[in-house]
Each structure stands twice: as structure tokens, then as C-alpha cells.
């Protein structure tokens, strides 16, 4: 069952100068999500943003089929960023710990932080539209949707980029610096450049 209060939002992303709109990933926006994935060769070799879903079995599940099933059943959540032509150009995936795992999970479990109600796992932007603030808009949109669903503690595992060059394929969880700019705090380091970050979101 979907979390109560997960409703699409057409509120413009205030942090952007451009006319971007945030909407929820659901059955009505699945075609736009699918189009964005297909424009980008399936995303990282065909993952369809399914790798962190609990139901996914590598080598067994068909990523596209399972992702669509979860979306239509209300068990896959994301804030999607649409441009003025109505094309989806990015998203921020989030969900409960019962829905999504995290990267660096083995290290995370050695000394886990206080329980979170929500996790942010993947942020993706169309390769031709990067550097325009879409990732920020997507995370802000996800936080708005989380607030509408009752809020609570939100966690992510992200990568620091200060003082180094990081390839974009390693930044599918955005950057620690972006999360900190949006009110998250660093917790424990779980990888060479990876940190647990978290913040509390008040209910809307």
C-alpha cells in the first residue's frame, strides 16, 4: 500500500529560475518516466532505477517490468521534474526502509543511525540537461512529497565532491554538499567518499 498523503504536486520548484514543475511518479506519469529512461539508454546499462527496491532480484527480475508494476501498485515513489514542454528531465527516488535498501548497506549496518521513516536513494538527470539545478529541484520535490505524507526522519548515503573530481556515474545519489545545503547533516562515513546524511522533515 502507498503511504497516505502521497499526492502529485504541480507546485513550481521555487529554487529554479526556469519553469520546472514537480510531479509524483505514479501511473499517470509512468509514460514520461519511461520516456526519460529510454532517452538515456535505460539508465546505467538498463537499471530502470530498480536496484534498491527490496523486490528486485539481480539476474531474475526484469527491471522495466518490475519498476512499472511497483509504480502502478503505489510501491515506488519519486519526485519528477518536468520542463516547460512537459518532458520529464529528472527525478529523486525515495521510499520507506521497507521499500528501499541503501548503497554501502553492509557498512551501514555495522553501526546504524537512529531509524528513519524515509530513504532517498537515487537522483537522476537527463544527460543533456545537467548543471541546470534539476537535481536540487528533484530533492526539494521529494522532501515536499515526504512532508505531505506525514514527514519524519529522512536518510540518504551520498558522496562528497569537495576537492576532487567525481564522475557523474558515481553521483546517482547526488552529493553530500547538496544535501547539506538542503538542511541534512552528516552522520557516519561508510565509504571512501560516502557519508550517511539525514534530516527531519516536518509534516505539511
C-alpha atoms as a PDB file:
ATOM      1  CA  UNK A   1       0.000   0.000   0.000  1.00  0.00           C
ATOM      2  CA  UNK A   2       1.181   3.513  -0.708  1.00  0.00           C
ATOM      3  CA  UNK A   3       1.885   5.814   2.201  1.00  0.00           C
ATOM      4  CA  UNK A   4      -1.120   8.050   2.889  1.00  0.00           C
ATOM      5  CA  UNK A   5      -0.862  11.573   1.584  1.00  0.00           C
ATOM      6  CA  UNK A   6       1.352  10.840  -1.443  1.00  0.00           C
ATOM      7  CA  UNK A   7      -0.372  13.199  -3.866  1.00  0.00           C
ATOM      8  CA  UNK A   8       1.012  14.689  -7.089  1.00  0.00           C
ATOM      9  CA  UNK A   9       2.234  18.259  -6.768  1.00  0.00           C
ATOM     10  CA  UNK A  10       2.224  20.779  -9.581  1.00  0.00           C
ATOM     11  CA  UNK A  11       3.906  23.437  -7.485  1.00  0.00           C
ATOM     12  CA  UNK A  12       6.831  25.004  -9.406  1.00  0.00           C
ATOM     13  CA  UNK A  13      10.279  24.363  -7.960  1.00  0.00           C
ATOM     14  CA  UNK A  14      10.984  27.707  -6.308  1.00  0.00           C
ATOM     15  CA  UNK A  15      14.761  27.235  -6.257  1.00  0.00           C
ATOM     16  CA  UNK A  16      14.935  27.318 -10.054  1.00  0.00           C
ATOM     17  CA  UNK A  17      14.796  30.254 -12.401  1.00  0.00           C
ATOM     18  CA  UNK A  18      13.391  28.058 -15.163  1.00  0.00           C
ATOM     19  CA  UNK A  19       9.763  26.941 -15.470  1.00  0.00           C
ATOM     20  CA  UNK A  20      10.153  23.482 -13.949  1.00  0.00           C
ATOM     21  CA  UNK A  21       7.254  21.589 -12.409  1.00  0.00           C
ATOM     22  CA  UNK A  22       7.350  18.768  -9.835  1.00  0.00           C
ATOM     23  CA  UNK A  23       5.002  15.797 -10.062  1.00  0.00           C
ATOM     24  CA  UNK A  24       4.844  12.435  -8.320  1.00  0.00           C
ATOM     25  CA  UNK A  25       5.808   9.223 -10.084  1.00  0.00           C
ATOM     26  CA  UNK A  26       2.590   7.248 -10.451  1.00  0.00           C
ATOM     27  CA  UNK A  27       0.531   5.542 -13.155  1.00  0.00           C
ATOM     28  CA  UNK A  28      -0.264   8.886 -14.805  1.00  0.00           C
ATOM     29  CA  UNK A  29       3.401   9.935 -15.075  1.00  0.00           C
ATOM     30  CA  UNK A  30       4.796   6.475 -15.866  1.00  0.00           C
ATOM     31  CA  UNK A  31       4.899   7.190 -19.643  1.00  0.00           C
ATOM     32  CA  UNK A  32       7.003  10.320 -19.015  1.00  0.00           C
ATOM     33  CA  UNK A  33       9.311   8.386 -16.671  1.00  0.00           C
ATOM     34  CA  UNK A  34       9.649   5.602 -19.245  1.00  0.00           C
ATOM     35  CA  UNK A  35      10.444   8.127 -21.970  1.00  0.00           C
ATOM     36  CA  UNK A  36      13.181   9.711 -19.846  1.00  0.00           C
ATOM     37  CA  UNK A  37      14.746   6.320 -19.118  1.00  0.00           C
ATOM     38  CA  UNK A  38      14.640   5.282 -22.768  1.00  0.00           C
ATOM     39  CA  UNK A  39      16.192   8.608 -23.859  1.00  0.00           C
ATOM     40  CA  UNK A  40      19.117   7.697 -21.600  1.00  0.00           C
ATOM     41  CA  UNK A  41      19.656   4.115 -22.753  1.00  0.00           C
ATOM     42  CA  UNK A  42      17.859   2.503 -19.830  1.00  0.00           C
ATOM     43  CA  UNK A  43      19.901   4.387 -17.191  1.00  0.00           C
ATOM     44  CA  UNK A  44      23.282   2.916 -16.232  1.00  0.00           C
ATOM     45  CA  UNK A  45      23.005  -0.062 -18.542  1.00  0.00           C
ATOM     46  CA  UNK A  46      19.308  -0.736 -18.107  1.00  0.00           C
ATOM     47  CA  UNK A  47      18.691  -0.494 -14.355  1.00  0.00           C
ATOM     48  CA  UNK A  48      15.417   1.499 -14.670  1.00  0.00           C
ATOM     49  CA  UNK A  49      16.057   2.829 -11.140  1.00  0.00           C
ATOM     50  CA  UNK A  50      15.131  -0.566  -9.674  1.00  0.00           C
ATOM     51  CA  UNK A  51      18.364  -1.676  -7.989  1.00  0.00           C
ATOM     52  CA  UNK A  52      17.482  -0.552  -4.453  1.00  0.00           C
ATOM     53  CA  UNK A  53      13.942  -1.911  -4.401  1.00  0.00           C
ATOM     54  CA  UNK A  54      13.608  -4.793  -1.952  1.00  0.00           C
ATOM     55  CA  UNK A  55      11.713  -6.879  -4.525  1.00  0.00           C
ATOM     56  CA  UNK A  56      14.482  -6.700  -7.120  1.00  0.00           C
ATOM     57  CA  UNK A  57      16.466  -9.889  -7.747  1.00  0.00           C
ATOM     58  CA  UNK A  58      19.553  -9.384  -9.884  1.00  0.00           C
ATOM     59  CA  UNK A  59      19.574 -11.706 -12.876  1.00  0.00           C
ATOM     60  CA  UNK A  60      15.975 -12.771 -12.214  1.00  0.00           C
ATOM     61  CA  UNK A  61      13.790  -9.656 -12.287  1.00  0.00           C
ATOM     62  CA  UNK A  62      13.198  -7.736 -15.497  1.00  0.00           C
ATOM     63  CA  UNK A  63      13.982  -4.149 -14.395  1.00  0.00           C
ATOM     64  CA  UNK A  64      11.420  -2.351 -16.562  1.00  0.00           C
ATOM     65  CA  UNK A  65       8.590  -4.773 -15.858  1.00  0.00           C
ATOM     66  CA  UNK A  66       9.156  -4.771 -12.112  1.00  0.00           C
ATOM     67  CA  UNK A  67       9.530  -0.986 -11.935  1.00  0.00           C
ATOM     68  CA  UNK A  68       6.256  -0.415 -13.778  1.00  0.00           C
ATOM     69  CA  UNK A  69       4.495  -2.944 -11.573  1.00  0.00           C
ATOM     70  CA  UNK A  70       5.705  -1.244  -8.391  1.00  0.00           C
ATOM     71  CA  UNK A  71       4.759   2.199  -9.701  1.00  0.00           C
ATOM     72  CA  UNK A  72       1.255   1.118 -10.646  1.00  0.00           C
ATOM     73  CA  UNK A  73       0.828  -0.568  -7.251  1.00  0.00           C
ATOM     74  CA  UNK A  74       1.954   2.598  -5.412  1.00  0.00           C
ATOM     75  CA  UNK A  75       5.118   0.935  -4.105  1.00  0.00           C
ATOM     76  CA  UNK A  76       7.664   3.079  -5.967  1.00  0.00           C
ATOM     77  CA  UNK A  77       7.936   6.798  -5.225  1.00  0.00           C
ATOM     78  CA  UNK A  78       9.800   9.652  -6.845  1.00  0.00           C
ATOM     79  CA  UNK A  79       9.548  13.390  -7.375  1.00  0.00           C
ATOM     80  CA  UNK A  80       9.795  14.012 -11.111  1.00  0.00           C
ATOM     81  CA  UNK A  81      10.973  17.281 -12.676  1.00  0.00           C
ATOM     82  CA  UNK A  82       9.208  18.384 -15.872  1.00  0.00           C
ATOM     83  CA  UNK A  83      10.329  21.156 -18.206  1.00  0.00           C
ATOM     84  CA  UNK A  84       8.078  23.727 -19.894  1.00  0.00           C
ATOM     85  CA  UNK A  85       7.462  21.352 -22.816  1.00  0.00           C
ATOM     86  CA  UNK A  86       6.087  18.762 -20.405  1.00  0.00           C
ATOM     87  CA  UNK A  87       9.063  16.407 -20.734  1.00  0.00           C
ATOM     88  CA  UNK A  88      10.473  14.713 -17.639  1.00  0.00           C
ATOM     89  CA  UNK A  89      14.140  15.681 -17.220  1.00  0.00           C
ATOM     90  CA  UNK A  90      14.974  14.154 -13.833  1.00  0.00           C
ATOM     91  CA  UNK A  91      13.768  12.547 -10.640  1.00  0.00           C
ATOM     92  CA  UNK A  92      14.559  11.849  -6.996  1.00  0.00           C
ATOM     93  CA  UNK A  93      13.574   8.381  -5.793  1.00  0.00           C
ATOM     94  CA  UNK A  94      12.510   7.943  -2.179  1.00  0.00           C
ATOM     95  CA  UNK A  95      10.597   5.447  -0.066  1.00  0.00           C
ATOM     96  CA  UNK A  96      10.415   3.700   3.262  1.00  0.00           C
ATOM     97  CA  UNK A  97      13.118   1.307   4.548  1.00  0.00           C
ATOM     98  CA  UNK A  98      10.591  -1.457   3.869  1.00  0.00           C
ATOM     99  CA  UNK A  99      10.687  -0.474   0.187  1.00  0.00           C
ATOM    100  CA  UNK A 100      14.306   0.536  -0.430  1.00  0.00           C
ATOM    101  CA  UNK A 101      17.804  -0.609   0.540  1.00  0.00           C
ATOM    102  CA  UNK A 102      20.832   1.698   0.562  1.00  0.00           C
ATOM    103  CA  UNK A 103      24.262   1.521  -1.006  1.00  0.00           C
ATOM    104  CA  UNK A 104      27.103   0.637   1.379  1.00  0.00           C
ATOM    105  CA  UNK A 105      24.449  -1.298   3.313  1.00  0.00           C
ATOM    106  CA  UNK A 106      26.903  -3.730   4.921  1.00  0.00           C
ATOM    107  CA  UNK A 107      28.947  -0.893   6.411  1.00  0.00           C
ATOM    108  CA  UNK A 108      25.760   0.995   7.322  1.00  0.00           C
ATOM    109  CA  UNK A 109      24.508  -1.967   9.349  1.00  0.00           C
ATOM    110  CA  UNK A 110      27.667  -2.147  11.477  1.00  0.00           C
ATOM    111  CA  UNK A 111      26.589   0.937  13.419  1.00  0.00           C
ATOM    112  CA  UNK A 112      23.208   2.083  12.108  1.00  0.00           C
ATOM    113  CA  UNK A 113      21.905   5.575  12.850  1.00  0.00           C
ATOM    114  CA  UNK A 114      18.520   6.171  14.521  1.00  0.00           C
ATOM    115  CA  UNK A 115      15.703   4.631  12.444  1.00  0.00           C
ATOM    116  CA  UNK A 116      14.457   6.729   9.545  1.00  0.00           C
ATOM    117  CA  UNK A 117      10.955   6.726   8.116  1.00  0.00           C
ATOM    118  CA  UNK A 118      12.198   7.568   4.630  1.00  0.00           C
ATOM    119  CA  UNK A 119      15.209   6.976   2.389  1.00  0.00           C
ATOM    120  CA  UNK A 120      16.407   8.876  -0.654  1.00  0.00           C
ATOM    121  CA  UNK A 121      18.365   6.527  -2.890  1.00  0.00           C
ATOM    122  CA  UNK A 122      18.636   7.758  -6.479  1.00  0.00           C
ATOM    123  CA  UNK A 123      18.706  11.136  -8.203  1.00  0.00           C
ATOM    124  CA  UNK A 124      18.915  11.145 -11.985  1.00  0.00           C
ATOM    125  CA  UNK A 125      19.042  13.973 -14.539  1.00  0.00           C
ATOM    126  CA  UNK A 126      18.869  13.652 -18.323  1.00  0.00           C
ATOM    127  CA  UNK A 127      22.418  13.787 -19.642  1.00  0.00           C
ATOM    128  CA  UNK A 128      21.617  16.797 -21.870  1.00  0.00           C
ATOM    129  CA  UNK A 129      20.124  18.825 -19.008  1.00  0.00           C
ATOM    130  CA  UNK A 130      22.701  18.563 -16.246  1.00  0.00           C
ATOM    131  CA  UNK A 131      24.027  21.629 -14.486  1.00  0.00           C
ATOM    132  CA  UNK A 132      20.631  23.384 -14.573  1.00  0.00           C
ATOM    133  CA  UNK A 133      19.536  22.764 -10.976  1.00  0.00           C
ATOM    134  CA  UNK A 134      17.291  19.808 -11.782  1.00  0.00           C
ATOM    135  CA  UNK A 135      18.832  17.531  -9.131  1.00  0.00           C
ATOM    136  CA  UNK A 136      18.203  20.157  -6.459  1.00  0.00           C
ATOM    137  CA  UNK A 137      14.623  20.628  -7.664  1.00  0.00           C
ATOM    138  CA  UNK A 138      14.074  16.864  -7.569  1.00  0.00           C
ATOM    139  CA  UNK A 139      15.337  16.509  -3.986  1.00  0.00           C
ATOM    140  CA  UNK A 140      13.303  19.530  -2.885  1.00  0.00           C
ATOM    141  CA  UNK A 141      10.273  17.992  -4.574  1.00  0.00           C
ATOM    142  CA  UNK A 142      10.840  14.683  -2.797  1.00  0.00           C
ATOM    143  CA  UNK A 143      11.046  16.479   0.554  1.00  0.00           C
ATOM    144  CA  UNK A 144       7.761  18.271  -0.205  1.00  0.00           C
ATOM    145  CA  UNK A 145       6.103  14.955  -1.033  1.00  0.00           C
ATOM    146  CA  UNK A 146       7.521  13.390   2.130  1.00  0.00           C
ATOM    147  CA  UNK A 147       6.124  16.290   4.149  1.00  0.00           C
ATOM    148  CA  UNK A 148       2.716  15.736   2.521  1.00  0.00           C
ATOM    149  CA  UNK A 149       2.932  12.067   3.507  1.00  0.00           C
ATOM    150  CA  UNK A 150       3.491  12.913   7.188  1.00  0.00           C
ATOM    151  CA  UNK A 151       7.180  13.809   7.302  1.00  0.00           C
ATOM    152  CA  UNK A 152       9.696  12.204   9.608  1.00  0.00           C
ATOM    153  CA  UNK A 153      13.388  11.402   9.582  1.00  0.00           C
ATOM    154  CA  UNK A 154      14.891  11.121   6.085  1.00  0.00           C
ATOM    155  CA  UNK A 155      18.244   9.479   5.365  1.00  0.00           C
ATOM    156  CA  UNK A 156      20.499   9.009   2.362  1.00  0.00           C
ATOM    157  CA  UNK A 157      24.016   7.864   1.591  1.00  0.00           C
ATOM    158  CA  UNK A 158      25.791  10.293  -0.684  1.00  0.00           C
ATOM    159  CA  UNK A 159      29.267  11.211  -1.940  1.00  0.00           C
ATOM    160  CA  UNK A 160      31.444  14.181  -1.078  1.00  0.00           C
ATOM    161  CA  UNK A 161      32.932  16.019  -4.048  1.00  0.00           C
ATOM    162  CA  UNK A 162      34.770  18.931  -2.417  1.00  0.00           C
ATOM    163  CA  UNK A 163      38.396  18.977  -3.526  1.00  0.00           C
ATOM    164  CA  UNK A 164      38.064  16.206  -6.096  1.00  0.00           C
ATOM    165  CA  UNK A 165      36.599  15.403  -9.485  1.00  0.00           C
ATOM    166  CA  UNK A 166      33.925  12.732  -9.364  1.00  0.00           C
ATOM    167  CA  UNK A 167      32.486  11.031 -12.442  1.00  0.00           C
ATOM    168  CA  UNK A 168      28.748  11.586 -12.821  1.00  0.00           C
ATOM    169  CA  UNK A 169      28.027   7.855 -12.848  1.00  0.00           C
ATOM    170  CA  UNK A 170      29.082   7.699  -9.203  1.00  0.00           C
ATOM    171  CA  UNK A 171      26.785  10.580  -8.240  1.00  0.00           C
ATOM    172  CA  UNK A 172      23.414   8.900  -8.732  1.00  0.00           C
ATOM    173  CA  UNK A 173      22.810   9.677  -5.045  1.00  0.00           C
ATOM    174  CA  UNK A 174      23.700  13.357  -5.635  1.00  0.00           C
ATOM    175  CA  UNK A 175      26.350  14.944  -3.396  1.00  0.00           C
ATOM    176  CA  UNK A 176      26.773  15.406   0.331  1.00  0.00           C
ATOM    177  CA  UNK A 177      27.230  19.109  -0.330  1.00  0.00           C
ATOM    178  CA  UNK A 178      23.799  19.355  -1.989  1.00  0.00           C
ATOM    179  CA  UNK A 179      22.129  17.504   0.875  1.00  0.00           C
ATOM    180  CA  UNK A 180      23.847  19.738   3.433  1.00  0.00           C
ATOM    181  CA  UNK A 181      22.648  22.787   1.519  1.00  0.00           C
ATOM    182  CA  UNK A 182      19.112  21.427   1.943  1.00  0.00           C
ATOM    183  CA  UNK A 183      19.408  21.018   5.706  1.00  0.00           C
ATOM    184  CA  UNK A 184      20.821  17.499   6.024  1.00  0.00           C
ATOM    185  CA  UNK A 185      23.611  16.732   8.476  1.00  0.00           C
ATOM    186  CA  UNK A 186      26.459  14.288   8.082  1.00  0.00           C
ATOM    187  CA  UNK A 187      26.472  11.246  10.284  1.00  0.00           C
ATOM    188  CA  UNK A 188      28.967   8.421   9.883  1.00  0.00           C
ATOM    189  CA  UNK A 189      31.315   7.810   6.962  1.00  0.00           C
ATOM    190  CA  UNK A 190      30.596   4.455   5.278  1.00  0.00           C
ATOM    191  CA  UNK A 191      32.899   4.579   2.253  1.00  0.00           C
ATOM    192  CA  UNK A 192      35.947   6.398   0.909  1.00  0.00           C
ATOM    193  CA  UNK A 193      33.799   9.407  -0.024  1.00  0.00           C
ATOM    194  CA  UNK A 194      30.393   8.199   1.185  1.00  0.00           C
ATOM    195  CA  UNK A 195      28.517   9.545   4.193  1.00  0.00           C
ATOM    196  CA  UNK A 196      25.183   8.915   5.840  1.00  0.00           C
ATOM    197  CA  UNK A 197      23.212  12.161   5.817  1.00  0.00           C
ATOM    198  CA  UNK A 198      19.860  12.806   7.461  1.00  0.00           C
ATOM    199  CA  UNK A 199      17.341  15.470   8.463  1.00  0.00           C
ATOM    200  CA  UNK A 200      13.880  15.685   9.955  1.00  0.00           C
ATOM    201  CA  UNK A 201      11.028  16.831   7.732  1.00  0.00           C
ATOM    202  CA  UNK A 202       8.003  18.378   9.402  1.00  0.00           C
ATOM    203  CA  UNK A 203       4.592  17.200   8.199  1.00  0.00           C
ATOM    204  CA  UNK A 204       2.824  19.559   5.811  1.00  0.00           C
END
